[in-house]
Amino acid sequence: MKNKITVFSLSSSKKLAQDIASILGTKVGDCKVHHFADGEILCEIGESVRGKDVFIVQSTSNPVTENLMEILVLTDALKRASAREITAVIPYFGYARQDRKAKPRQPITSKLVADLLTTAGVNRVVTVDLHAAQIQGFFDIPVDEMQALPLLIKYFRKKKVQDLCVVSPDHGGATRARKMSEAFDCPIAIIDKRRPKPNVAEVMGIIGNVEGKNCILVDDMIDTAGTITAGVDMLKQKGAKDVYIACTHGVLSGPAIERLSTCAAKEVVITNTIEIPQEKKFDKLVSVSVAGLLAHTIENIENDLPVSDVFTQYDC
């Protein structure tokens, strides 16, 4: 298989792409990103891709638009170089929070991004834990949304934490929290909050009993960390013992690092869908890799095997 596929990385997911390629028994392809003086992007491919299946590994994290544009430009270059199939592996799918019109005259930018990727020539998208699952329906090409929750469950199983309670930071994440609670056969709690504006949340109370429990506060993403750290404070006020934060995407904007590093959580467990630079790392931060999950997904796609088999393999 390694002679049939090429894995390319761009600016945002270099280490993850290397790990994926290593698991697949291949190397990351030769591709360089250049910028003109005015900021225009140029992608140069340094090897033949004629007739090959190409997998571009790139999260559209900060700078979101720049990283998205890199995927589009490289896709165009690959098409013109006669690549057979182009799959965009986008572990963190940016613009996913703009999946509907929350107010009049707002765009649905997730749909626009789907159209841009398809028009550029992407044949398939692989991603992890979309912020809004309905985004899959914005595409006219196959979209494989992989789940990181089993990896987080596996991590906490190894820790053998007793007296667990899984907590959702809001009503929207209740399904995710329930899946984790079922894996541990433990109770669930939900933090009742309201969000008056983006990146601002007000915690109102907790539905469920967390007194004397070790809590896992699980979410799909952490941006400014205001919601999640307010949740930690509320759990502690309600008598929780140790509180662990677990999430898939560490966006970590603005004050997030200071909030997370100084909050009362015992550990902050985040997958590597977004690479966290060294200067943002702190003592209680734990990274869980999605490289194996994505490598096995690529392997099944390339071998015309059901991607659902990967879900079964990683199911907890």
Protein backbone atom coordinates (compact mmCIF):
# COMPACT_ATOMS: atom_id res chain seq x y z
CA MET A 1 0.00 0.00 0.00
CA LYS A 2 2.84 2.42 0.79
CA ASN A 3 3.74 2.71 -2.90
CA LYS A 4 0.18 3.62 -3.86
CA ILE A 5 -0.38 6.48 -1.44
CA THR A 6 1.33 9.71 -0.52
CA VAL A 7 0.79 11.57 2.74
CA PHE A 8 1.40 15.31 2.62
CA SER A 9 1.55 17.72 5.53
CA LEU A 10 1.23 21.48 5.42
CA SER A 11 1.75 24.08 8.14
CA SER A 12 -0.53 23.01 10.99
CA SER A 13 -0.18 19.23 11.45
CA LYS A 14 3.41 18.28 10.64
CA LYS A 15 4.09 16.03 13.64
CA LEU A 16 0.72 14.27 13.36
CA ALA A 17 1.29 13.66 9.64
CA GLN A 18 4.72 12.17 10.39
CA ASP A 19 3.21 9.85 13.00
CA ILE A 20 0.46 8.75 10.60
CA ALA A 21 2.95 8.11 7.79
CA SER A 22 5.17 6.11 10.15
CA ILE A 23 2.28 3.85 11.17
CA LEU A 24 1.44 3.34 7.48
CA GLY A 25 5.06 2.41 6.75
CA THR A 26 5.74 5.36 4.49
CA LYS A 27 7.18 8.88 4.66
CA VAL A 28 5.61 12.30 4.40
CA GLY A 29 5.73 13.52 0.80
CA ASP A 30 7.90 16.37 -0.44
CA CYS A 31 5.78 19.51 -0.36
CA LYS A 32 6.81 23.05 0.51
CA VAL A 33 4.64 26.05 1.31
CA HIS A 34 5.94 29.46 0.26
CA HIS A 35 4.53 32.95 0.65
CA PHE A 36 4.88 35.87 -1.69
CA ALA A 37 5.71 39.27 -0.21
CA ASP A 38 2.01 40.17 -0.13
CA GLY A 39 1.06 36.96 1.71
CA GLU A 40 -0.13 34.86 -1.25
CA ILE A 41 0.35 31.12 -0.77
CA LEU A 42 2.29 28.87 -3.15
CA CYS A 43 2.50 25.09 -2.64
CA GLU A 44 5.25 23.24 -4.50
CA ILE A 45 5.19 19.44 -4.81
CA GLY A 46 8.67 17.93 -5.06
CA GLU A 47 7.76 14.44 -6.29
CA SER A 48 5.51 12.72 -8.79
CA VAL A 49 1.93 12.06 -7.67
CA ARG A 50 0.63 10.83 -11.02
CA GLY A 51 -1.93 8.08 -10.46
CA LYS A 52 -1.46 8.12 -6.68
CA ASP A 53 -3.97 8.42 -3.87
CA VAL A 54 -2.98 11.48 -1.86
CA PHE A 55 -3.90 12.24 1.75
CA ILE A 56 -3.43 15.85 2.89
CA VAL A 57 -3.13 16.08 6.69
CA GLN A 58 -3.95 19.58 7.91
CA SER A 59 -6.12 20.90 10.72
CA THR A 60 -7.81 24.20 9.94
CA SER A 61 -6.89 25.65 13.32
CA ASN A 62 -5.46 29.10 14.01
CA PRO A 63 -4.72 30.75 11.60
CA VAL A 64 -7.92 29.12 10.34
CA THR A 65 -8.31 30.79 6.94
CA GLU A 66 -4.59 30.50 6.13
CA ASN A 67 -4.58 26.76 6.86
CA LEU A 68 -7.77 26.23 4.86
CA MET A 69 -6.31 28.11 1.92
CA GLU A 70 -3.19 25.91 2.01
CA ILE A 71 -5.39 22.83 1.57
CA LEU A 72 -7.20 24.42 -1.38
CA VAL A 73 -3.98 25.52 -3.11
CA LEU A 74 -2.28 22.14 -2.63
CA THR A 75 -5.39 20.33 -3.86
CA ASP A 76 -5.34 22.37 -7.06
CA ALA A 77 -1.65 21.56 -7.54
CA LEU A 78 -2.32 17.84 -7.00
CA LYS A 79 -5.17 17.82 -9.51
CA ARG A 80 -2.97 19.47 -12.12
CA ALA A 81 -0.25 16.90 -11.36
CA SER A 82 -2.68 14.03 -12.13
CA ALA A 83 -3.19 12.61 -8.64
CA ARG A 84 -5.83 9.86 -8.78
CA GLU A 85 -7.76 10.61 -5.57
CA ILE A 86 -7.33 13.43 -3.06
CA THR A 87 -8.47 12.98 0.53
CA ALA A 88 -8.33 15.91 2.94
CA VAL A 89 -7.61 14.61 6.43
CA ILE A 90 -8.75 17.55 8.57
CA PRO A 91 -8.50 16.39 12.21
CA TYR A 92 -9.90 19.70 13.46
CA PHE A 93 -12.46 21.18 11.07
CA GLY A 94 -12.48 24.96 11.50
CA TYR A 95 -15.59 27.08 10.89
CA ALA A 96 -17.68 24.22 12.31
CA ARG A 97 -19.35 26.56 14.79
CA GLN A 98 -20.94 28.46 11.90
CA ASP A 99 -23.24 25.61 10.89
CA ARG A 100 -26.54 27.54 10.96
CA LYS A 101 -28.00 31.03 11.00
CA ALA A 102 -28.19 31.86 14.69
CA LYS A 103 -29.32 35.40 13.85
CA PRO A 104 -30.73 37.10 10.75
CA ARG A 105 -28.26 37.91 7.95
CA GLN A 106 -25.57 35.54 9.24
CA PRO A 107 -23.65 33.20 6.91
CA ILE A 108 -23.50 29.41 7.11
CA THR A 109 -19.74 29.30 6.69
CA SER A 110 -19.43 25.54 7.26
CA LYS A 111 -21.38 25.02 4.04
CA LEU A 112 -19.16 27.51 2.22
CA VAL A 113 -16.03 25.64 3.37
CA ALA A 114 -17.55 22.35 2.18
CA ASP A 115 -18.20 23.91 -1.24
CA LEU A 116 -14.67 25.32 -1.43
CA LEU A 117 -13.06 21.95 -0.68
CA THR A 118 -15.25 20.16 -3.21
CA THR A 119 -14.72 22.77 -5.92
CA ALA A 120 -10.95 22.67 -5.39
CA GLY A 121 -11.01 18.95 -6.16
CA VAL A 122 -11.06 17.12 -2.83
CA ASN A 123 -12.65 13.68 -3.34
CA ARG A 124 -13.12 12.74 0.31
CA VAL A 125 -12.83 14.28 3.77
CA VAL A 126 -11.73 12.56 6.97
CA THR A 127 -12.17 14.47 10.21
CA VAL A 128 -12.49 13.95 13.96
CA ASP A 129 -15.43 14.98 16.16
CA LEU A 130 -17.15 17.67 14.13
CA HIS A 131 -18.55 20.40 16.37
CA ALA A 132 -21.86 19.95 14.51
CA ALA A 133 -22.49 16.50 13.03
CA GLN A 134 -24.86 17.86 10.36
CA ILE A 135 -21.86 19.41 8.56
CA GLN A 136 -21.39 16.01 6.92
CA GLY A 137 -24.56 16.76 4.98
CA PHE A 138 -23.08 19.99 3.58
CA PHE A 139 -20.78 17.92 1.36
CA ASP A 140 -21.57 16.12 -1.89
CA ILE A 141 -18.53 13.87 -1.36
CA PRO A 142 -17.93 11.18 1.30
CA VAL A 143 -17.14 12.48 4.78
CA ASP A 144 -15.79 10.15 7.47
CA GLU A 145 -16.18 11.61 10.95
CA MET A 146 -14.02 9.59 13.32
CA GLN A 147 -14.57 9.56 17.07
CA ALA A 148 -11.86 10.40 19.62
CA LEU A 149 -14.00 9.47 22.63
CA PRO A 150 -12.79 5.83 22.71
CA LEU A 151 -9.20 7.10 22.96
CA LEU A 152 -10.10 9.29 25.93
CA ILE A 153 -12.00 6.42 27.54
CA LYS A 154 -8.96 4.16 27.08
CA TYR A 155 -6.75 6.74 28.79
CA PHE A 156 -8.98 7.02 31.85
CA ARG A 157 -9.43 3.25 32.05
CA LYS A 158 -5.67 2.92 32.48
CA LYS A 159 -5.81 5.43 35.35
CA LYS A 160 -8.40 3.28 37.16
CA VAL A 161 -10.11 6.27 38.76
CA GLN A 162 -12.76 5.22 41.28
CA ASP A 163 -16.12 6.82 42.15
CA LEU A 164 -16.49 8.37 38.72
CA CYS A 165 -19.09 10.76 37.40
CA VAL A 166 -18.95 11.98 33.81
CA VAL A 167 -20.03 15.59 33.38
CA SER A 168 -21.16 17.44 30.27
CA PRO A 169 -20.39 21.19 30.28
CA ASP A 170 -23.74 21.89 28.58
CA HIS A 171 -26.91 20.22 27.32
CA GLY A 172 -25.49 19.89 23.80
CA GLY A 173 -22.73 17.57 24.97
CA ALA A 174 -25.00 15.24 26.94
CA THR A 175 -24.85 12.47 24.33
CA ARG A 176 -21.04 12.46 24.42
CA ALA A 177 -21.00 12.38 28.22
CA ARG A 178 -23.59 9.59 28.31
CA LYS A 179 -21.46 7.42 25.99
CA MET A 180 -18.48 7.87 28.28
CA SER A 181 -20.57 7.20 31.40
CA GLU A 182 -21.89 3.99 29.86
CA ALA A 183 -18.32 2.85 29.20
CA PHE A 184 -17.52 3.28 32.91
CA ASP A 185 -20.98 2.29 34.18
CA CYS A 186 -21.12 5.48 36.22
CA PRO A 187 -23.58 8.36 36.67
CA ILE A 188 -23.78 11.46 34.50
CA ALA A 189 -24.24 15.12 35.37
CA ILE A 190 -24.92 18.15 33.17
CA ILE A 191 -23.87 21.73 33.78
CA ASP A 192 -26.69 24.14 33.03
CA LYS A 193 -25.32 27.23 31.31
CA ARG A 194 -26.35 29.95 28.93
CA ARG A 195 -24.19 31.68 26.32
CA PRO A 196 -25.12 35.38 25.84
CA LYS A 197 -22.45 35.84 23.13
CA PRO A 198 -19.59 33.85 21.49
CA ASN A 199 -16.82 32.72 23.89
CA VAL A 200 -18.87 33.90 26.89
CA ALA A 201 -20.79 31.42 29.05
CA GLU A 202 -22.61 31.77 32.36
CA VAL A 203 -22.91 28.68 34.56
CA MET A 204 -26.34 28.46 36.20
CA GLY A 205 -26.16 25.15 38.11
CA ILE A 206 -25.60 21.39 37.89
CA ILE A 207 -28.15 18.73 37.02
CA GLY A 208 -27.11 15.61 38.92
CA ASN A 209 -25.17 14.78 42.08
CA VAL A 210 -21.37 15.14 42.01
CA GLU A 211 -20.67 15.29 45.75
CA GLY A 212 -17.82 12.94 46.68
CA LYS A 213 -17.28 11.96 43.04
CA ASN A 214 -14.19 12.10 40.84
CA CYS A 215 -15.49 13.92 37.78
CA ILE A 216 -14.47 13.80 34.12
CA LEU A 217 -15.64 17.00 32.44
CA VAL A 218 -15.76 16.04 28.76
CA ASP A 219 -16.24 18.28 25.72
CA ASP A 220 -15.41 18.29 22.01
CA MET A 221 -13.31 21.47 22.08
CA ILE A 222 -11.77 24.07 24.36
CA ASP A 223 -11.37 27.55 22.89
CA THR A 224 -10.87 30.29 25.49
CA ALA A 225 -11.52 27.77 28.32
CA GLY A 226 -13.98 30.06 30.09
CA THR A 227 -16.81 27.53 29.99
CA ILE A 228 -14.75 24.53 31.03
CA THR A 229 -12.92 26.22 33.91
CA ALA A 230 -16.16 27.74 35.21
CA GLY A 231 -17.50 24.19 35.14
CA VAL A 232 -14.53 22.97 37.20
CA ASP A 233 -15.18 25.67 39.79
CA MET A 234 -18.86 24.77 39.99
CA LEU A 235 -18.09 21.05 40.42
CA LYS A 236 -15.69 21.82 43.24
CA GLN A 237 -18.30 24.04 44.91
CA LYS A 238 -20.77 21.15 44.74
CA GLY A 239 -18.38 18.80 46.55
CA ALA A 240 -16.61 16.95 43.74
CA LYS A 241 -13.23 15.42 44.64
CA ASP A 242 -10.78 15.37 41.72
CA VAL A 243 -11.90 16.93 38.44
CA TYR A 244 -10.37 15.89 35.11
CA ILE A 245 -10.89 17.83 31.89
CA ALA A 246 -11.06 15.76 28.70
CA CYS A 247 -11.57 17.09 25.19
CA THR A 248 -10.80 16.35 21.56
CA HIS A 249 -9.73 19.71 20.14
CA GLY A 250 -7.45 22.04 22.06
CA VAL A 251 -8.06 25.32 20.23
CA LEU A 252 -6.70 27.20 23.26
CA SER A 253 -7.21 30.82 22.25
CA GLY A 254 -6.45 33.96 24.26
CA PRO A 255 -6.51 33.33 28.03
CA ALA A 256 -7.05 29.55 27.71
CA ILE A 257 -3.59 28.46 28.86
CA GLU A 258 -3.59 30.65 31.95
CA ARG A 259 -7.12 29.54 32.84
CA LEU A 260 -6.39 25.84 32.40
CA SER A 261 -3.00 25.86 34.11
CA THR A 262 -4.34 27.68 37.18
CA CYS A 263 -7.77 26.03 37.50
CA ALA A 264 -8.57 23.33 40.06
CA ALA A 265 -8.59 20.47 37.51
CA LYS A 266 -6.15 17.66 38.29
CA GLU A 267 -5.40 16.93 34.63
CA VAL A 268 -6.28 18.43 31.26
CA VAL A 269 -6.41 15.61 28.69
CA ILE A 270 -6.50 16.74 25.05
CA THR A 271 -5.90 14.87 21.79
CA ASN A 272 -3.37 16.08 19.24
CA THR A 273 -5.82 17.00 16.48
CA ILE A 274 -4.34 20.48 16.94
CA GLU A 275 -0.62 20.69 17.62
CA ILE A 276 0.06 22.55 20.86
CA PRO A 277 3.33 24.51 20.68
CA GLN A 278 5.89 24.03 23.43
CA GLU A 279 5.32 27.49 24.87
CA LYS A 280 1.64 26.65 25.49
CA LYS A 281 2.28 23.39 27.34
CA PHE A 282 1.86 23.20 31.12
CA ASP A 283 2.44 20.58 33.81
CA LYS A 284 -1.02 19.00 34.02
CA LEU A 285 -1.57 18.89 30.25
CA VAL A 286 -1.75 15.34 28.83
CA SER A 287 -1.78 14.62 25.09
CA VAL A 288 -3.58 11.60 23.59
CA SER A 289 -2.66 10.79 20.00
CA VAL A 290 -5.18 10.26 17.18
CA ALA A 291 -2.43 9.13 14.78
CA GLY A 292 -3.33 5.45 15.00
CA LEU A 293 -7.04 6.17 14.53
CA LEU A 294 -6.40 8.25 11.40
CA ALA A 295 -3.77 5.88 10.01
CA HIS A 296 -6.15 2.93 10.26
CA THR A 297 -8.88 5.01 8.63
CA ILE A 298 -6.57 5.84 5.72
CA GLU A 299 -5.58 2.19 5.46
CA ASN A 300 -9.19 1.04 5.20
CA ILE A 301 -10.05 3.72 2.64
CA GLU A 302 -7.07 2.76 0.50
CA ASN A 303 -7.88 -0.97 0.71
CA ASP A 304 -11.59 -0.45 -0.03
CA LEU A 305 -12.53 -1.73 3.42
CA PRO A 306 -15.40 -0.32 5.50
CA VAL A 307 -14.42 2.64 7.64
CA SER A 308 -16.99 1.33 10.13
CA ASP A 309 -14.48 -1.44 10.92
CA VAL A 310 -12.24 1.24 12.43
CA PHE A 311 -15.08 2.31 14.73
CA THR A 312 -15.42 -1.31 15.85
CA GLN A 313 -11.69 -1.61 16.45
CA TYR A 314 -11.60 1.50 18.63
CA ASP A 315 -14.97 0.97 20.31
CA CYS A 316 -14.97 0.85 24.09
